[in-house]
Amino acid sequence: MSKKLVLGLVLVSAFAACQRQAPEPEVYVPAPAPITTEPVYQGKYGS
């Protein structure tokens, strides 16, 4: 009787391991904006 019990547990665990996993929900994380330098005023003629 114990051999049948062990065999049954092995089969049930193998069946459970082979089940398709539920896909994880994809979370959208926006990429941070690139850091740019602020334009500097250089006078009337840009010197």
C-alpha atoms as a PDB file:
ATOM      1  CA  MET A   1       0.000   0.000   0.000  1.00  0.00           C
ATOM      2  CA  SER A   2       2.796   2.454   0.766  1.00  0.00           C
ATOM      3  CA  LYS A   3       4.371   1.943  -2.676  1.00  0.00           C
ATOM      4  CA  LYS A   4       1.103   2.974  -4.311  1.00  0.00           C
ATOM      5  CA  LEU A   5       0.892   6.014  -2.056  1.00  0.00           C
ATOM      6  CA  VAL A   6       4.446   7.078  -2.903  1.00  0.00           C
ATOM      7  CA  LEU A   7       3.854   6.469  -6.614  1.00  0.00           C
ATOM      8  CA  GLY A   8       0.662   8.533  -6.455  1.00  0.00           C
ATOM      9  CA  LEU A   9       2.439  11.394  -4.713  1.00  0.00           C
ATOM     10  CA  VAL A  10       5.234  11.316  -7.281  1.00  0.00           C
ATOM     11  CA  LEU A  11       2.756  11.401 -10.153  1.00  0.00           C
ATOM     12  CA  VAL A  12       0.753  14.228  -8.603  1.00  0.00           C
ATOM     13  CA  SER A  13       3.885  16.281  -7.934  1.00  0.00           C
ATOM     14  CA  ALA A  14       5.185  15.675 -11.478  1.00  0.00           C
ATOM     15  CA  PHE A  15       1.823  16.720 -12.922  1.00  0.00           C
ATOM     16  CA  ALA A  16       1.794  19.864 -10.764  1.00  0.00           C
ATOM     17  CA  ALA A  17       5.333  20.750 -11.826  1.00  0.00           C
ATOM     18  CA  CYS A  18       4.454  20.462 -15.508  1.00  0.00           C
ATOM     19  CA  GLN A  19       1.473  22.802 -15.326  1.00  0.00           C
ATOM     20  CA  ARG A  20       1.777  26.030 -17.274  1.00  0.00           C
ATOM     21  CA  GLN A  21       2.712  28.956 -15.072  1.00  0.00           C
ATOM     22  CA  ALA A  22       0.434  31.987 -15.107  1.00  0.00           C
ATOM     23  CA  PRO A  23       2.107  34.852 -17.012  1.00  0.00           C
ATOM     24  CA  GLU A  24       3.236  37.708 -14.837  1.00  0.00           C
ATOM     25  CA  PRO A  25       1.565  41.022 -15.634  1.00  0.00           C
ATOM     26  CA  GLU A  26       3.796  43.389 -17.583  1.00  0.00           C
ATOM     27  CA  VAL A  27       4.312  46.698 -15.835  1.00  0.00           C
ATOM     28  CA  TYR A  28       5.159  49.727 -17.966  1.00  0.00           C
ATOM     29  CA  VAL A  29       7.864  51.876 -16.429  1.00  0.00           C
ATOM     30  CA  PRO A  30       8.526  55.043 -18.441  1.00  0.00           C
ATOM     31  CA  ALA A  31      12.165  55.766 -19.128  1.00  0.00           C
ATOM     32  CA  PRO A  32      13.466  58.912 -17.441  1.00  0.00           C
ATOM     33  CA  ALA A  33      13.936  61.896 -19.724  1.00  0.00           C
ATOM     34  CA  PRO A  34      17.545  62.458 -20.769  1.00  0.00           C
ATOM     35  CA  ILE A  35      19.264  65.207 -18.836  1.00  0.00           C
ATOM     36  CA  THR A  36      20.261  68.155 -21.012  1.00  0.00           C
ATOM     37  CA  THR A  37      22.058  71.340 -20.123  1.00  0.00           C
ATOM     38  CA  GLU A  38      20.160  74.583 -20.044  1.00  0.00           C
ATOM     39  CA  PRO A  39      21.115  77.023 -22.802  1.00  0.00           C
ATOM     40  CA  VAL A  40      23.158  79.947 -21.549  1.00  0.00           C
ATOM     41  CA  TYR A  41      22.576  83.498 -22.768  1.00  0.00           C
ATOM     42  CA  GLN A  42      25.790  84.691 -24.415  1.00  0.00           C
ATOM     43  CA  GLY A  43      24.939  88.226 -25.337  1.00  0.00           C
ATOM     44  CA  LYS A  44      23.675  89.859 -28.494  1.00  0.00           C
ATOM     45  CA  TYR A  45      26.149  88.184 -30.856  1.00  0.00           C
ATOM     46  CA  GLY A  46      26.754  84.933 -28.987  1.00  0.00           C
ATOM     47  CA  SER A  47      30.358  85.735 -28.096  1.00  0.00           C
END
